[in-house]
Amino acid sequence: MRIVRDRVYGEVDLSASAAELNRLAGAVAGGEGLLRSTAGPGGEHLAGVEVTKGAGPGVRIRLDASRGILVISGDEAARAVLADNLRAMAAAGDGGHLHLDHFPGHPYLAEGSVPLVVNSPHGGMPAR
């Protein structure tokens, strides 16, 4: 798993294998876990992703700059939706990416969430 912060666009870019995305999805669904990045921390690379349970409503994605960790927390229902989306990206055999950007009325992302791009392990844009 590679997690890179883009200071220009204010988003985080996550690239992972299908197995890593499925492990992340399991942690998100369960509300706990720490997954380490394969790229060492430093520069714009983050050390990993930590998942915690939260009161909600919704899922909040934030940066813990002091630890170099992306933190995902939220209520069970919202985490379940995010976990399903992560599993779908892991299974998307034709590539693509998932943009997680909060907007007013977003079905599961909480206001203040850091924008996150999750890349398909199969790269590129889908052929559909």
C-alpha atoms as a PDB file:
ATOM      1  CA  MET A   1       0.000   0.000   0.000  1.00  0.00           C
ATOM      2  CA  ARG A   2       1.271   3.438  -0.938  1.00  0.00           C
ATOM      3  CA  ILE A   3      -0.322   6.546   0.580  1.00  0.00           C
ATOM      4  CA  VAL A   4       0.772   9.959  -0.650  1.00  0.00           C
ATOM      5  CA  ARG A   5      -0.405  13.394   0.449  1.00  0.00           C
ATOM      6  CA  ASP A   6      -0.783  15.935  -2.363  1.00  0.00           C
ATOM      7  CA  ARG A   7      -0.308  19.366  -0.798  1.00  0.00           C
ATOM      8  CA  VAL A   8      -1.192  21.160  -4.050  1.00  0.00           C
ATOM      9  CA  TYR A   9      -4.673  19.637  -4.399  1.00  0.00           C
ATOM     10  CA  GLY A  10      -5.207  18.915  -0.687  1.00  0.00           C
ATOM     11  CA  GLU A  11      -6.023  15.268  -1.236  1.00  0.00           C
ATOM     12  CA  VAL A  12      -4.526  11.909  -0.375  1.00  0.00           C
ATOM     13  CA  ASP A  13      -3.776   9.287  -3.039  1.00  0.00           C
ATOM     14  CA  LEU A  14      -3.923   5.618  -2.015  1.00  0.00           C
ATOM     15  CA  SER A  15      -2.635   2.808  -4.239  1.00  0.00           C
ATOM     16  CA  ALA A  16      -2.866  -0.807  -3.107  1.00  0.00           C
ATOM     17  CA  SER A  17      -3.144  -4.379  -4.272  1.00  0.00           C
ATOM     18  CA  ALA A  18      -6.556  -6.061  -4.270  1.00  0.00           C
ATOM     19  CA  ALA A  19      -5.567  -7.978  -1.117  1.00  0.00           C
ATOM     20  CA  GLU A  20      -4.512  -4.755   0.632  1.00  0.00           C
ATOM     21  CA  LEU A  21      -7.744  -2.984  -0.354  1.00  0.00           C
ATOM     22  CA  ASN A  22      -9.737  -5.938   0.980  1.00  0.00           C
ATOM     23  CA  ARG A  23      -7.798  -5.815   4.278  1.00  0.00           C
ATOM     24  CA  LEU A  24      -8.514  -2.074   4.479  1.00  0.00           C
ATOM     25  CA  ALA A  25     -12.194  -2.735   3.767  1.00  0.00           C
ATOM     26  CA  GLY A  26     -12.273  -5.311   6.567  1.00  0.00           C
ATOM     27  CA  ALA A  27     -10.706  -2.855   9.002  1.00  0.00           C
ATOM     28  CA  VAL A  28     -13.173  -0.142   7.960  1.00  0.00           C
ATOM     29  CA  ALA A  29     -16.150  -2.495   8.373  1.00  0.00           C
ATOM     30  CA  GLY A  30     -14.901  -3.678  11.778  1.00  0.00           C
ATOM     31  CA  GLY A  31     -13.998  -0.201  12.984  1.00  0.00           C
ATOM     32  CA  GLU A  32     -10.415  -0.930  13.972  1.00  0.00           C
ATOM     33  CA  GLY A  33      -7.030  -1.585  12.500  1.00  0.00           C
ATOM     34  CA  LEU A  34      -3.720  -0.125  11.453  1.00  0.00           C
ATOM     35  CA  LEU A  35      -2.383  -0.892   7.995  1.00  0.00           C
ATOM     36  CA  ARG A  36       1.168   0.168   7.259  1.00  0.00           C
ATOM     37  CA  SER A  37       2.349   1.688   4.017  1.00  0.00           C
ATOM     38  CA  THR A  38       4.939  -0.214   2.006  1.00  0.00           C
ATOM     39  CA  ALA A  39       6.636   3.117   1.265  1.00  0.00           C
ATOM     40  CA  GLY A  40       8.409   4.456   4.316  1.00  0.00           C
ATOM     41  CA  PRO A  41       7.122   7.703   5.785  1.00  0.00           C
ATOM     42  CA  GLY A  42       8.814  10.889   4.766  1.00  0.00           C
ATOM     43  CA  GLY A  43       8.202  13.696   2.359  1.00  0.00           C
ATOM     44  CA  GLU A  44       4.632  13.326   1.191  1.00  0.00           C
ATOM     45  CA  HIS A  45       4.423   9.569   1.898  1.00  0.00           C
ATOM     46  CA  LEU A  46       2.256   8.593   4.857  1.00  0.00           C
ATOM     47  CA  ALA A  47       3.120   5.725   7.214  1.00  0.00           C
ATOM     48  CA  GLY A  48      -0.279   4.030   7.023  1.00  0.00           C
ATOM     49  CA  VAL A  49      -4.017   4.092   7.632  1.00  0.00           C
ATOM     50  CA  GLU A  50      -5.630   3.784  11.041  1.00  0.00           C
ATOM     51  CA  VAL A  51      -9.314   2.899  11.391  1.00  0.00           C
ATOM     52  CA  THR A  52     -11.317   3.635  14.534  1.00  0.00           C
ATOM     53  CA  LYS A  53     -14.947   3.540  15.559  1.00  0.00           C
ATOM     54  CA  GLY A  54     -16.644   6.904  15.885  1.00  0.00           C
ATOM     55  CA  ALA A  55     -19.993   8.344  16.854  1.00  0.00           C
ATOM     56  CA  GLY A  56     -20.740   9.750  13.414  1.00  0.00           C
ATOM     57  CA  PRO A  57     -22.808  10.721  11.705  1.00  0.00           C
ATOM     58  CA  GLY A  58     -20.834   9.499   8.749  1.00  0.00           C
ATOM     59  CA  VAL A  59     -17.192   8.693   8.160  1.00  0.00           C
ATOM     60  CA  ARG A  60     -14.510  11.295   8.698  1.00  0.00           C
ATOM     61  CA  ILE A  61     -11.174  10.972   6.910  1.00  0.00           C
ATOM     62  CA  ARG A  62      -8.386  13.084   8.398  1.00  0.00           C
ATOM     63  CA  LEU A  63      -4.635  13.354   8.544  1.00  0.00           C
ATOM     64  CA  ASP A  64      -2.754  12.881  11.788  1.00  0.00           C
ATOM     65  CA  ALA A  65       0.246  14.912  10.677  1.00  0.00           C
ATOM     66  CA  SER A  66       2.267  14.244  13.829  1.00  0.00           C
ATOM     67  CA  ARG A  67       2.251  10.486  13.124  1.00  0.00           C
ATOM     68  CA  GLY A  68       2.026  10.667   9.331  1.00  0.00           C
ATOM     69  CA  ILE A  69      -1.142   8.550   9.402  1.00  0.00           C
ATOM     70  CA  LEU A  70      -4.435   8.765   7.522  1.00  0.00           C
ATOM     71  CA  VAL A  71      -7.258   8.212  10.035  1.00  0.00           C
ATOM     72  CA  ILE A  72     -10.689   6.881   9.063  1.00  0.00           C
ATOM     73  CA  SER A  73     -13.366   6.944  11.761  1.00  0.00           C
ATOM     74  CA  GLY A  74     -17.130   6.912  11.873  1.00  0.00           C
ATOM     75  CA  ASP A  75     -20.324   5.150  12.721  1.00  0.00           C
ATOM     76  CA  GLU A  76     -20.981   1.537  11.742  1.00  0.00           C
ATOM     77  CA  ALA A  77     -23.504   2.196   8.953  1.00  0.00           C
ATOM     78  CA  ALA A  78     -21.310   4.740   7.171  1.00  0.00           C
ATOM     79  CA  ARG A  79     -18.206   2.574   7.577  1.00  0.00           C
ATOM     80  CA  ALA A  80     -20.113  -0.333   6.006  1.00  0.00           C
ATOM     81  CA  VAL A  81     -20.839   1.741   2.882  1.00  0.00           C
ATOM     82  CA  LEU A  82     -17.209   2.833   2.591  1.00  0.00           C
ATOM     83  CA  ALA A  83     -16.037  -0.768   3.106  1.00  0.00           C
ATOM     84  CA  ASP A  84     -18.344  -1.934   0.291  1.00  0.00           C
ATOM     85  CA  ASN A  85     -16.917   0.756  -2.004  1.00  0.00           C
ATOM     86  CA  LEU A  86     -13.350  -0.299  -1.169  1.00  0.00           C
ATOM     87  CA  ARG A  87     -14.191  -3.957  -1.886  1.00  0.00           C
ATOM     88  CA  ALA A  88     -15.753  -2.946  -5.193  1.00  0.00           C
ATOM     89  CA  MET A  89     -12.586  -1.074  -6.155  1.00  0.00           C
ATOM     90  CA  ALA A  90     -10.486  -4.127  -5.227  1.00  0.00           C
ATOM     91  CA  ALA A  91     -12.687  -6.293  -7.472  1.00  0.00           C
ATOM     92  CA  ALA A  92     -12.899  -3.834 -10.396  1.00  0.00           C
ATOM     93  CA  GLY A  93     -10.892  -5.811 -12.924  1.00  0.00           C
ATOM     94  CA  ASP A  94     -10.904  -3.076 -15.533  1.00  0.00           C
ATOM     95  CA  GLY A  95      -9.166  -0.341 -13.564  1.00  0.00           C
ATOM     96  CA  GLY A  96     -10.240   3.108 -12.485  1.00  0.00           C
ATOM     97  CA  HIS A  97     -10.274   5.005  -9.232  1.00  0.00           C
ATOM     98  CA  LEU A  98     -12.667   6.076  -6.512  1.00  0.00           C
ATOM     99  CA  HIS A  99     -12.878   9.738  -5.475  1.00  0.00           C
ATOM    100  CA  LEU A 100     -14.034  10.257  -1.901  1.00  0.00           C
ATOM    101  CA  ASP A 101     -14.864  13.963  -1.641  1.00  0.00           C
ATOM    102  CA  HIS A 102     -17.350  15.388   0.834  1.00  0.00           C
ATOM    103  CA  PHE A 103     -20.142  17.599  -0.476  1.00  0.00           C
ATOM    104  CA  PRO A 104     -23.277  18.843   1.289  1.00  0.00           C
ATOM    105  CA  GLY A 105     -25.664  15.924   1.607  1.00  0.00           C
ATOM    106  CA  HIS A 106     -22.988  13.269   0.944  1.00  0.00           C
ATOM    107  CA  PRO A 107     -24.504   9.891   1.850  1.00  0.00           C
ATOM    108  CA  TYR A 108     -21.691   8.789   4.172  1.00  0.00           C
ATOM    109  CA  LEU A 109     -18.734  11.221   4.323  1.00  0.00           C
ATOM    110  CA  ALA A 110     -18.664  13.731   7.156  1.00  0.00           C
ATOM    111  CA  GLU A 111     -17.928  17.387   6.627  1.00  0.00           C
ATOM    112  CA  GLY A 112     -14.257  18.194   7.011  1.00  0.00           C
ATOM    113  CA  SER A 113     -13.077  14.917   5.510  1.00  0.00           C
ATOM    114  CA  VAL A 114      -9.828  15.045   3.569  1.00  0.00           C
ATOM    115  CA  PRO A 115     -10.429  14.165  -0.103  1.00  0.00           C
ATOM    116  CA  LEU A 116      -9.134  10.660  -0.843  1.00  0.00           C
ATOM    117  CA  VAL A 117      -8.458   8.988  -4.200  1.00  0.00           C
ATOM    118  CA  VAL A 118      -8.375   5.185  -4.078  1.00  0.00           C
ATOM    119  CA  ASN A 119      -6.745   3.696  -7.172  1.00  0.00           C
ATOM    120  CA  SER A 120      -7.716   0.354  -8.648  1.00  0.00           C
ATOM    121  CA  PRO A 121      -5.006  -2.275  -8.348  1.00  0.00           C
ATOM    122  CA  HIS A 122      -5.578  -2.804 -12.075  1.00  0.00           C
ATOM    123  CA  GLY A 123      -4.605   0.781 -12.953  1.00  0.00           C
ATOM    124  CA  GLY A 124      -5.896   3.323 -15.436  1.00  0.00           C
ATOM    125  CA  MET A 125      -9.361   4.171 -16.484  1.00  0.00           C
ATOM    126  CA  PRO A 126     -11.948   1.448 -17.058  1.00  0.00           C
ATOM    127  CA  ALA A 127     -12.566   0.272 -20.612  1.00  0.00           C
ATOM    128  CA  ARG A 128     -16.346   0.532 -20.174  1.00  0.00           C
END
